[in-house]
Amino acid sequence: MSHRLPLFLAFIALALWLAASYGLRYGLMEEVRWVGLCADGASQWQCVVRAKLGLLIHFGVFGWGALIVSLVAFFVPRGRGRGLAIVGLLLGVLALVLYTASLAVFAVVIAGLRLVRAR
């Protein structure tokens, strides 16, 4: 097994997460069909998810969560820190896609720095 295989799998997972985030943004949040259907206060589960996700975006939960997790990961040693950095990176990518770029940029940079830090 190559020593680059985990890195390759991580890039594939990150690309899939990015695609899923954009699918959520353009398939649920900005899709004209859902905007029109949910404007009437429909109680379909998609409208409930859309409303709750909108509140999370409005309050910046993804951006702040990514920033906090990335900062904690930067100071936690070894494997736990790397795991937290991966969570911070995934939350940061989600926040970048879902309109919280100002906080998510710092979170992604901090998580990336933690991931490439020498052991």
C-alpha atoms as a PDB file:
ATOM      1  CA  MET A   1       0.000   0.000   0.000  1.00  0.00           C
ATOM      2  CA  SER A   2       1.327   3.385  -0.975  1.00  0.00           C
ATOM      3  CA  HIS A   3       1.918   6.061   1.630  1.00  0.00           C
ATOM      4  CA  ARG A   4      -0.027   8.477  -0.594  1.00  0.00           C
ATOM      5  CA  LEU A   5      -3.242   6.435  -0.560  1.00  0.00           C
ATOM      6  CA  PRO A   6      -4.657   8.076   2.623  1.00  0.00           C
ATOM      7  CA  LEU A   7      -3.955  11.509   1.153  1.00  0.00           C
ATOM      8  CA  PHE A   8      -5.648  10.543  -2.098  1.00  0.00           C
ATOM      9  CA  LEU A   9      -8.676   9.205  -0.209  1.00  0.00           C
ATOM     10  CA  ALA A  10      -8.840  12.382   1.861  1.00  0.00           C
ATOM     11  CA  PHE A  11      -8.906  14.510  -1.293  1.00  0.00           C
ATOM     12  CA  ILE A  12     -11.641  12.315  -2.770  1.00  0.00           C
ATOM     13  CA  ALA A  13     -13.684  12.606   0.442  1.00  0.00           C
ATOM     14  CA  LEU A  14     -13.203  16.371   0.494  1.00  0.00           C
ATOM     15  CA  ALA A  15     -14.309  16.633  -3.143  1.00  0.00           C
ATOM     16  CA  LEU A  16     -17.411  14.549  -2.415  1.00  0.00           C
ATOM     17  CA  TRP A  17     -18.191  16.714   0.627  1.00  0.00           C
ATOM     18  CA  LEU A  18     -17.813  19.829  -1.513  1.00  0.00           C
ATOM     19  CA  ALA A  19     -20.157  18.388  -4.145  1.00  0.00           C
ATOM     20  CA  ALA A  20     -22.713  17.458  -1.470  1.00  0.00           C
ATOM     21  CA  SER A  21     -22.503  20.969   0.002  1.00  0.00           C
ATOM     22  CA  TYR A  22     -23.134  22.569  -3.373  1.00  0.00           C
ATOM     23  CA  GLY A  23     -25.954  20.111  -3.970  1.00  0.00           C
ATOM     24  CA  LEU A  24     -27.532  21.216  -0.695  1.00  0.00           C
ATOM     25  CA  ARG A  25     -27.099  24.869  -1.577  1.00  0.00           C
ATOM     26  CA  TYR A  26     -28.397  24.763  -5.138  1.00  0.00           C
ATOM     27  CA  GLY A  27     -30.737  21.800  -4.779  1.00  0.00           C
ATOM     28  CA  LEU A  28     -32.570  22.852  -1.627  1.00  0.00           C
ATOM     29  CA  MET A  29     -31.755  26.405  -0.600  1.00  0.00           C
ATOM     30  CA  GLU A  30     -31.826  28.195  -3.966  1.00  0.00           C
ATOM     31  CA  GLU A  31     -34.047  25.922  -6.035  1.00  0.00           C
ATOM     32  CA  VAL A  32     -36.993  27.952  -7.322  1.00  0.00           C
ATOM     33  CA  ARG A  33     -39.398  25.058  -6.830  1.00  0.00           C
ATOM     34  CA  TRP A  34     -38.618  24.825  -3.099  1.00  0.00           C
ATOM     35  CA  VAL A  35     -38.664  28.586  -2.630  1.00  0.00           C
ATOM     36  CA  GLY A  36     -42.163  28.767  -4.070  1.00  0.00           C
ATOM     37  CA  LEU A  37     -43.450  25.667  -2.322  1.00  0.00           C
ATOM     38  CA  CYS A  38     -42.058  26.574   1.089  1.00  0.00           C
ATOM     39  CA  ALA A  39     -43.152  30.224   0.889  1.00  0.00           C
ATOM     40  CA  ASP A  40     -46.686  29.166   1.785  1.00  0.00           C
ATOM     41  CA  GLY A  41     -45.478  27.651   5.041  1.00  0.00           C
ATOM     42  CA  ALA A  42     -45.761  24.094   3.798  1.00  0.00           C
ATOM     43  CA  SER A  43     -45.159  21.432   6.406  1.00  0.00           C
ATOM     44  CA  GLN A  44     -43.280  19.042   4.153  1.00  0.00           C
ATOM     45  CA  TRP A  45     -40.091  17.705   5.659  1.00  0.00           C
ATOM     46  CA  GLN A  46     -38.016  19.408   2.963  1.00  0.00           C
ATOM     47  CA  CYS A  47     -39.456  22.784   3.945  1.00  0.00           C
ATOM     48  CA  VAL A  48     -38.772  22.126   7.618  1.00  0.00           C
ATOM     49  CA  VAL A  49     -35.165  21.142   6.842  1.00  0.00           C
ATOM     50  CA  ARG A  50     -34.809  24.212   4.627  1.00  0.00           C
ATOM     51  CA  ALA A  51     -36.140  26.497   7.371  1.00  0.00           C
ATOM     52  CA  LYS A  52     -33.873  25.015  10.059  1.00  0.00           C
ATOM     53  CA  LEU A  53     -30.863  25.157   7.752  1.00  0.00           C
ATOM     54  CA  GLY A  54     -31.700  28.780   7.000  1.00  0.00           C
ATOM     55  CA  LEU A  55     -31.650  29.579  10.712  1.00  0.00           C
ATOM     56  CA  LEU A  56     -28.300  27.836  11.139  1.00  0.00           C
ATOM     57  CA  ILE A  57     -26.914  29.854   8.233  1.00  0.00           C
ATOM     58  CA  HIS A  58     -28.393  33.106   9.552  1.00  0.00           C
ATOM     59  CA  PHE A  59     -26.790  32.710  12.964  1.00  0.00           C
ATOM     60  CA  GLY A  60     -23.474  31.576  11.472  1.00  0.00           C
ATOM     61  CA  VAL A  61     -23.429  28.256  13.293  1.00  0.00           C
ATOM     62  CA  PHE A  62     -21.358  26.527  10.622  1.00  0.00           C
ATOM     63  CA  GLY A  63     -18.762  29.297  10.430  1.00  0.00           C
ATOM     64  CA  TRP A  64     -18.373  29.718  14.176  1.00  0.00           C
ATOM     65  CA  GLY A  65     -18.390  25.968  14.720  1.00  0.00           C
ATOM     66  CA  ALA A  66     -15.670  25.485  12.117  1.00  0.00           C
ATOM     67  CA  LEU A  67     -13.565  28.264  13.597  1.00  0.00           C
ATOM     68  CA  ILE A  68     -13.871  26.982  17.159  1.00  0.00           C
ATOM     69  CA  VAL A  69     -13.154  23.366  16.216  1.00  0.00           C
ATOM     70  CA  SER A  70     -10.173  24.405  14.089  1.00  0.00           C
ATOM     71  CA  LEU A  71      -8.719  26.540  16.864  1.00  0.00           C
ATOM     72  CA  VAL A  72      -9.093  23.731  19.390  1.00  0.00           C
ATOM     73  CA  ALA A  73      -7.557  21.272  16.914  1.00  0.00           C
ATOM     74  CA  PHE A  74      -4.535  23.517  16.484  1.00  0.00           C
ATOM     75  CA  PHE A  75      -3.596  23.089  20.137  1.00  0.00           C
ATOM     76  CA  VAL A  76      -4.601  19.447  20.690  1.00  0.00           C
ATOM     77  CA  PRO A  77      -1.714  17.031  20.081  1.00  0.00           C
ATOM     78  CA  ARG A  78      -1.421  13.950  17.873  1.00  0.00           C
ATOM     79  CA  GLY A  79      -4.350  12.054  16.386  1.00  0.00           C
ATOM     80  CA  ARG A  80      -7.130  13.820  18.234  1.00  0.00           C
ATOM     81  CA  GLY A  81      -5.936  17.140  16.902  1.00  0.00           C
ATOM     82  CA  ARG A  82      -5.814  15.777  13.372  1.00  0.00           C
ATOM     83  CA  GLY A  83      -9.330  14.398  13.757  1.00  0.00           C
ATOM     84  CA  LEU A  84     -10.615  17.714  15.033  1.00  0.00           C
ATOM     85  CA  ALA A  85      -8.832  19.488  12.180  1.00  0.00           C
ATOM     86  CA  ILE A  86     -10.619  17.264   9.681  1.00  0.00           C
ATOM     87  CA  VAL A  87     -13.964  18.067  11.311  1.00  0.00           C
ATOM     88  CA  GLY A  88     -13.066  21.779  11.264  1.00  0.00           C
ATOM     89  CA  LEU A  89     -12.094  21.537   7.609  1.00  0.00           C
ATOM     90  CA  LEU A  90     -15.360  19.829   6.676  1.00  0.00           C
ATOM     91  CA  LEU A  91     -17.412  22.362   8.631  1.00  0.00           C
ATOM     92  CA  GLY A  92     -15.372  25.153   7.078  1.00  0.00           C
ATOM     93  CA  VAL A  93     -16.022  23.934   3.553  1.00  0.00           C
ATOM     94  CA  LEU A  94     -19.733  23.685   4.351  1.00  0.00           C
ATOM     95  CA  ALA A  95     -19.685  27.212   5.760  1.00  0.00           C
ATOM     96  CA  LEU A  96     -17.836  28.514   2.692  1.00  0.00           C
ATOM     97  CA  VAL A  97     -20.500  27.091   0.436  1.00  0.00           C
ATOM     98  CA  LEU A  98     -23.406  28.155   2.652  1.00  0.00           C
ATOM     99  CA  TYR A  99     -22.807  31.901   2.804  1.00  0.00           C
ATOM    100  CA  THR A 100     -20.521  32.208   5.872  1.00  0.00           C
ATOM    101  CA  ALA A 101     -17.267  32.804   4.044  1.00  0.00           C
ATOM    102  CA  SER A 102     -15.876  35.482   6.369  1.00  0.00           C
ATOM    103  CA  LEU A 103     -15.462  33.061   9.286  1.00  0.00           C
ATOM    104  CA  ALA A 104     -14.942  29.907   7.269  1.00  0.00           C
ATOM    105  CA  VAL A 105     -11.853  31.213   5.477  1.00  0.00           C
ATOM    106  CA  PHE A 106      -9.961  31.455   8.750  1.00  0.00           C
ATOM    107  CA  ALA A 107     -11.262  28.080   9.907  1.00  0.00           C
ATOM    108  CA  VAL A 108     -10.149  26.330   6.718  1.00  0.00           C
ATOM    109  CA  VAL A 109      -6.693  27.921   6.880  1.00  0.00           C
ATOM    110  CA  ILE A 110      -6.219  26.999  10.552  1.00  0.00           C
ATOM    111  CA  ALA A 111      -7.452  23.445   9.990  1.00  0.00           C
ATOM    112  CA  GLY A 112      -5.217  23.100   6.940  1.00  0.00           C
ATOM    113  CA  LEU A 113      -2.208  24.328   8.876  1.00  0.00           C
ATOM    114  CA  ARG A 114      -2.951  21.804  11.615  1.00  0.00           C
ATOM    115  CA  LEU A 115      -3.203  18.991   9.089  1.00  0.00           C
ATOM    116  CA  VAL A 116       0.118  19.730   7.407  1.00  0.00           C
ATOM    117  CA  ARG A 117       2.030  20.354  10.641  1.00  0.00           C
ATOM    118  CA  ALA A 118       4.957  18.011  11.167  1.00  0.00           C
ATOM    119  CA  ARG A 119       4.376  15.177  13.588  1.00  0.00           C
END
